[in-house]
Amino acid sequence: MGLTAYSLAAIFALATISFTMAYAASSQTQISLTSFGNTDIDLAWDDHDRIIRSWTEVSNFNPNDGSFAIQIVQSETGKVVSDSSIQIITTSQSSSIDFKSFVMYMVTAEDICQNEEYDAEKSAGHECNPLTGEYEMHVSTNDGSAVESTTFNIVDSRV
C-alpha cells in the first residue's frame, strides 16, 4: 500500500468517527421548557392558583431511562427547596421517542418558609415567614445530561 492508500484509509476512518460522534450527539435526550400561564405566584391566592406550569418538549428520550428529576430552586440563595422524580410511562418499543407534556408543580408552604422549624402538623396559628422572589424550576434527565430551566416569582400581596 502506498502513501495515498494510507491517507485515504485515514481520511475514511476520521470521517466514520466524525459521523458516529455527530450521530451520538444528536441522539442525546434534549429538553425544552416554556413557561405556560402565570409566572407570578401570589401567596394570597387559593392553593389551586399556586401551580407552576411549563410546556415541556423532550426529544430522543430512551424509555429505558424511565424518569426525569424536577427541582425548585430559590434563585437568590441557590437553595433547593424541592426535589422529586417525574415518572415517564410509555408503551413505545422504540429506543428513542419524542413527546410533549405539561410539567406542573404546586408551591407549598414547606417550599418557601424561611423558618427552619416549620411544621405542617402544628396548629393553623403557626406563622411562616415566606421567602419571596425569583425561583427556578429545573427539569433534567436522571443522569443530568440534559437540564432545562424556567423562572417564576413568588410574591405576597397580603403584606
C-alpha atoms as a PDB file:
ATOM      1  CA  MET A   1       0.000   0.000   0.000  1.00  0.00           C
ATOM      2  CA  GLY A   2       1.347   3.363  -0.956  1.00  0.00           C
ATOM      3  CA  LEU A   3       1.178   6.584   0.965  1.00  0.00           C
ATOM      4  CA  THR A   4      -2.008   7.551  -0.877  1.00  0.00           C
ATOM      5  CA  ALA A   5      -3.799   4.383   0.210  1.00  0.00           C
ATOM      6  CA  TYR A   6      -2.852   5.024   3.854  1.00  0.00           C
ATOM      7  CA  SER A   7      -4.019   8.632   3.523  1.00  0.00           C
ATOM      8  CA  LEU A   8      -7.336   7.527   2.054  1.00  0.00           C
ATOM      9  CA  ALA A   9      -7.796   4.924   4.803  1.00  0.00           C
ATOM     10  CA  ALA A  10      -7.044   7.541   7.488  1.00  0.00           C
ATOM     11  CA  ILE A  11      -9.474  10.044   5.945  1.00  0.00           C
ATOM     12  CA  PHE A  12     -12.162   7.328   5.732  1.00  0.00           C
ATOM     13  CA  ALA A  13     -11.592   6.361   9.385  1.00  0.00           C
ATOM     14  CA  LEU A  14     -11.786  10.010  10.529  1.00  0.00           C
ATOM     15  CA  ALA A  15     -14.962  10.579   8.520  1.00  0.00           C
ATOM     16  CA  THR A  16     -16.543   7.457  10.032  1.00  0.00           C
ATOM     17  CA  ILE A  17     -15.594   8.510  13.580  1.00  0.00           C
ATOM     18  CA  SER A  18     -16.874  12.059  12.974  1.00  0.00           C
ATOM     19  CA  PHE A  19     -20.183  10.752  11.601  1.00  0.00           C
ATOM     20  CA  THR A  20     -20.563   8.358  14.560  1.00  0.00           C
ATOM     21  CA  MET A  21     -19.816  11.117  17.072  1.00  0.00           C
ATOM     22  CA  ALA A  22     -22.242  13.505  15.363  1.00  0.00           C
ATOM     23  CA  TYR A  23     -24.953  10.824  15.385  1.00  0.00           C
ATOM     24  CA  ALA A  24     -24.332  10.062  19.069  1.00  0.00           C
ATOM     25  CA  ALA A  25     -24.501  13.758  19.972  1.00  0.00           C
ATOM     26  CA  SER A  26     -27.707  14.255  18.026  1.00  0.00           C
ATOM     27  CA  SER A  27     -29.337  11.221  19.676  1.00  0.00           C
ATOM     28  CA  GLN A  28     -28.862  12.509  23.236  1.00  0.00           C
ATOM     29  CA  THR A  29     -32.012  13.427  25.124  1.00  0.00           C
ATOM     30  CA  GLN A  30     -32.892  17.097  24.779  1.00  0.00           C
ATOM     31  CA  ILE A  31     -35.358  19.084  26.889  1.00  0.00           C
ATOM     32  CA  SER A  32     -37.060  22.379  26.127  1.00  0.00           C
ATOM     33  CA  LEU A  33     -39.201  24.234  28.703  1.00  0.00           C
ATOM     34  CA  THR A  34     -41.571  27.103  28.019  1.00  0.00           C
ATOM     35  CA  SER A  35     -43.413  28.837  30.852  1.00  0.00           C
ATOM     36  CA  PHE A  36     -47.150  28.432  30.483  1.00  0.00           C
ATOM     37  CA  GLY A  37     -49.678  30.680  32.171  1.00  0.00           C
ATOM     38  CA  ASN A  38     -48.867  32.914  35.086  1.00  0.00           C
ATOM     39  CA  THR A  39     -45.226  33.111  36.188  1.00  0.00           C
ATOM     40  CA  ASP A  40     -46.045  35.152  39.314  1.00  0.00           C
ATOM     41  CA  ILE A  41     -47.399  33.103  42.205  1.00  0.00           C
ATOM     42  CA  ASP A  42     -49.164  35.253  44.794  1.00  0.00           C
ATOM     43  CA  LEU A  43     -49.363  33.710  48.250  1.00  0.00           C
ATOM     44  CA  ALA A  44     -52.694  35.497  48.759  1.00  0.00           C
ATOM     45  CA  TRP A  45     -54.301  33.222  46.152  1.00  0.00           C
ATOM     46  CA  ASP A  46     -56.014  29.915  46.769  1.00  0.00           C
ATOM     47  CA  ASP A  47     -53.919  26.745  46.602  1.00  0.00           C
ATOM     48  CA  HIS A  48     -55.144  25.856  43.108  1.00  0.00           C
ATOM     49  CA  ASP A  49     -53.629  29.112  41.826  1.00  0.00           C
ATOM     50  CA  ARG A  50     -50.164  28.289  43.180  1.00  0.00           C
ATOM     51  CA  ILE A  51     -49.245  25.909  40.389  1.00  0.00           C
ATOM     52  CA  ILE A  52     -46.201  26.471  38.179  1.00  0.00           C
ATOM     53  CA  ARG A  53     -46.850  25.164  34.668  1.00  0.00           C
ATOM     54  CA  SER A  54     -44.294  24.552  31.971  1.00  0.00           C
ATOM     55  CA  TRP A  55     -44.789  23.234  28.437  1.00  0.00           C
ATOM     56  CA  THR A  56     -42.099  20.601  28.103  1.00  0.00           C
ATOM     57  CA  GLU A  57     -40.752  19.110  24.890  1.00  0.00           C
ATOM     58  CA  VAL A  58     -38.441  16.116  25.066  1.00  0.00           C
ATOM     59  CA  SER A  59     -36.655  14.619  22.090  1.00  0.00           C
ATOM     60  CA  ASN A  60     -34.556  11.468  21.786  1.00  0.00           C
ATOM     61  CA  PHE A  61     -35.833  10.110  25.095  1.00  0.00           C
ATOM     62  CA  ASN A  62     -34.895   6.494  25.791  1.00  0.00           C
ATOM     63  CA  PRO A  63     -37.842   4.840  27.608  1.00  0.00           C
ATOM     64  CA  ASN A  64     -35.387   2.603  29.478  1.00  0.00           C
ATOM     65  CA  ASP A  65     -34.228   5.706  31.389  1.00  0.00           C
ATOM     66  CA  GLY A  66     -37.700   5.913  32.915  1.00  0.00           C
ATOM     67  CA  SER A  67     -37.761   9.235  34.729  1.00  0.00           C
ATOM     68  CA  PHE A  68     -36.712  12.833  34.984  1.00  0.00           C
ATOM     69  CA  ALA A  69     -35.887  14.945  38.017  1.00  0.00           C
ATOM     70  CA  ILE A  70     -37.592  18.207  38.897  1.00  0.00           C
ATOM     71  CA  GLN A  71     -36.068  20.717  41.283  1.00  0.00           C
ATOM     72  CA  ILE A  72     -37.400  24.007  42.610  1.00  0.00           C
ATOM     73  CA  VAL A  73     -34.524  26.337  43.465  1.00  0.00           C
ATOM     74  CA  GLN A  74     -34.606  29.732  45.211  1.00  0.00           C
ATOM     75  CA  SER A  75     -32.518  31.868  42.840  1.00  0.00           C
ATOM     76  CA  GLU A  76     -31.014  34.277  45.370  1.00  0.00           C
ATOM     77  CA  THR A  77     -29.751  31.627  47.783  1.00  0.00           C
ATOM     78  CA  GLY A  78     -29.369  28.650  45.418  1.00  0.00           C
ATOM     79  CA  LYS A  79     -31.266  26.558  47.972  1.00  0.00           C
ATOM     80  CA  VAL A  80     -33.047  23.523  46.521  1.00  0.00           C
ATOM     81  CA  VAL A  81     -36.470  23.712  48.159  1.00  0.00           C
ATOM     82  CA  SER A  82     -37.968  20.683  46.424  1.00  0.00           C
ATOM     83  CA  ASP A  83     -36.501  17.686  44.618  1.00  0.00           C
ATOM     84  CA  SER A  84     -38.563  14.883  43.115  1.00  0.00           C
ATOM     85  CA  SER A  85     -38.871  12.467  40.201  1.00  0.00           C
ATOM     86  CA  ILE A  86     -41.196  12.606  37.229  1.00  0.00           C
ATOM     87  CA  GLN A  87     -42.007   9.104  36.012  1.00  0.00           C
ATOM     88  CA  ILE A  88     -42.433   8.685  32.267  1.00  0.00           C
ATOM     89  CA  ILE A  89     -44.825   5.930  31.266  1.00  0.00           C
ATOM     90  CA  THR A  90     -44.865   4.892  27.625  1.00  0.00           C
ATOM     91  CA  THR A  91     -45.907   1.895  25.594  1.00  0.00           C
ATOM     92  CA  SER A  92     -43.390   2.710  22.876  1.00  0.00           C
ATOM     93  CA  GLN A  93     -40.966  -0.052  21.996  1.00  0.00           C
ATOM     94  CA  SER A  94     -38.705   2.425  20.234  1.00  0.00           C
ATOM     95  CA  SER A  95     -35.290   3.172  21.692  1.00  0.00           C
ATOM     96  CA  SER A  96     -35.898   6.880  21.160  1.00  0.00           C
ATOM     97  CA  ILE A  97     -39.175   8.794  21.348  1.00  0.00           C
ATOM     98  CA  ASP A  98     -40.215  12.435  21.266  1.00  0.00           C
ATOM     99  CA  PHE A  99     -43.056  13.782  23.370  1.00  0.00           C
ATOM    100  CA  LYS A 100     -44.626  16.983  24.656  1.00  0.00           C
ATOM    101  CA  SER A 101     -46.296  17.412  28.010  1.00  0.00           C
ATOM    102  CA  PHE A 102     -47.061  19.825  30.810  1.00  0.00           C
ATOM    103  CA  VAL A 103     -44.907  19.719  33.916  1.00  0.00           C
ATOM    104  CA  MET A 104     -46.795  21.159  36.868  1.00  0.00           C
ATOM    105  CA  TYR A 105     -45.668  21.882  40.393  1.00  0.00           C
ATOM    106  CA  MET A 106     -47.719  23.249  43.288  1.00  0.00           C
ATOM    107  CA  VAL A 107     -45.799  25.671  45.502  1.00  0.00           C
ATOM    108  CA  THR A 108     -46.302  24.723  49.158  1.00  0.00           C
ATOM    109  CA  ALA A 109     -45.581  26.494  52.440  1.00  0.00           C
ATOM    110  CA  GLU A 110     -42.815  23.977  53.167  1.00  0.00           C
ATOM    111  CA  ASP A 111     -41.045  25.079  49.975  1.00  0.00           C
ATOM    112  CA  ILE A 112     -40.915  28.781  50.729  1.00  0.00           C
ATOM    113  CA  CYS A 113     -40.966  29.062  54.514  1.00  0.00           C
ATOM    114  CA  GLN A 114     -37.793  30.670  55.862  1.00  0.00           C
ATOM    115  CA  ASN A 115     -38.461  29.258  59.327  1.00  0.00           C
ATOM    116  CA  GLU A 116     -36.358  26.116  59.520  1.00  0.00           C
ATOM    117  CA  GLU A 117     -38.621  24.788  62.258  1.00  0.00           C
ATOM    118  CA  TYR A 118     -41.759  24.997  60.092  1.00  0.00           C
ATOM    119  CA  ASP A 119     -44.002  22.010  60.720  1.00  0.00           C
ATOM    120  CA  ALA A 120     -47.223  21.468  58.761  1.00  0.00           C
ATOM    121  CA  GLU A 121     -48.512  19.320  61.642  1.00  0.00           C
ATOM    122  CA  LYS A 122     -48.586  22.318  64.008  1.00  0.00           C
ATOM    123  CA  SER A 123     -51.675  24.402  64.577  1.00  0.00           C
ATOM    124  CA  ALA A 124     -53.036  26.729  61.909  1.00  0.00           C
ATOM    125  CA  GLY A 125     -51.854  29.680  64.011  1.00  0.00           C
ATOM    126  CA  HIS A 126     -48.210  28.889  63.233  1.00  0.00           C
ATOM    127  CA  GLU A 127     -46.846  31.655  61.064  1.00  0.00           C
ATOM    128  CA  CYS A 128     -44.468  31.119  58.196  1.00  0.00           C
ATOM    129  CA  ASN A 129     -42.165  33.885  57.019  1.00  0.00           C
ATOM    130  CA  PRO A 130     -42.242  33.242  53.253  1.00  0.00           C
ATOM    131  CA  LEU A 131     -39.176  33.805  51.108  1.00  0.00           C
ATOM    132  CA  THR A 132     -40.493  35.752  48.146  1.00  0.00           C
ATOM    133  CA  GLY A 133     -38.557  36.492  44.979  1.00  0.00           C
ATOM    134  CA  GLU A 134     -37.357  34.597  41.940  1.00  0.00           C
ATOM    135  CA  TYR A 135     -37.344  30.807  41.781  1.00  0.00           C
ATOM    136  CA  GLU A 136     -36.312  28.362  39.082  1.00  0.00           C
ATOM    137  CA  MET A 137     -37.861  25.084  38.019  1.00  0.00           C
ATOM    138  CA  HIS A 138     -35.200  22.678  36.697  1.00  0.00           C
ATOM    139  CA  VAL A 139     -36.197  19.593  34.717  1.00  0.00           C
ATOM    140  CA  SER A 140     -33.380  17.148  33.987  1.00  0.00           C
ATOM    141  CA  THR A 141     -32.678  13.621  32.884  1.00  0.00           C
ATOM    142  CA  ASN A 142     -31.788  11.023  35.521  1.00  0.00           C
ATOM    143  CA  ASP A 143     -28.090  11.320  34.795  1.00  0.00           C
ATOM    144  CA  GLY A 144     -28.145  15.113  34.488  1.00  0.00           C
ATOM    145  CA  SER A 145     -27.005  15.045  30.854  1.00  0.00           C
ATOM    146  CA  ALA A 146     -29.893  17.309  29.821  1.00  0.00           C
ATOM    147  CA  VAL A 147     -31.124  20.129  32.051  1.00  0.00           C
ATOM    148  CA  GLU A 148     -33.501  22.949  31.225  1.00  0.00           C
ATOM    149  CA  SER A 149     -34.874  25.686  33.489  1.00  0.00           C
ATOM    150  CA  THR A 150     -37.649  28.236  33.624  1.00  0.00           C
ATOM    151  CA  THR A 151     -38.118  31.011  36.175  1.00  0.00           C
ATOM    152  CA  PHE A 152     -41.094  32.198  38.189  1.00  0.00           C
ATOM    153  CA  ASN A 153     -41.675  34.673  41.009  1.00  0.00           C
ATOM    154  CA  ILE A 154     -43.313  34.287  44.381  1.00  0.00           C
ATOM    155  CA  VAL A 155     -44.952  37.438  45.681  1.00  0.00           C
ATOM    156  CA  ASP A 156     -47.091  38.105  48.764  1.00  0.00           C
ATOM    157  CA  SER A 157     -49.730  40.783  48.264  1.00  0.00           C
ATOM    158  CA  ARG A 158     -51.073  40.128  51.804  1.00  0.00           C
ATOM    159  CA  VAL A 159     -48.378  42.406  53.257  1.00  0.00           C
END
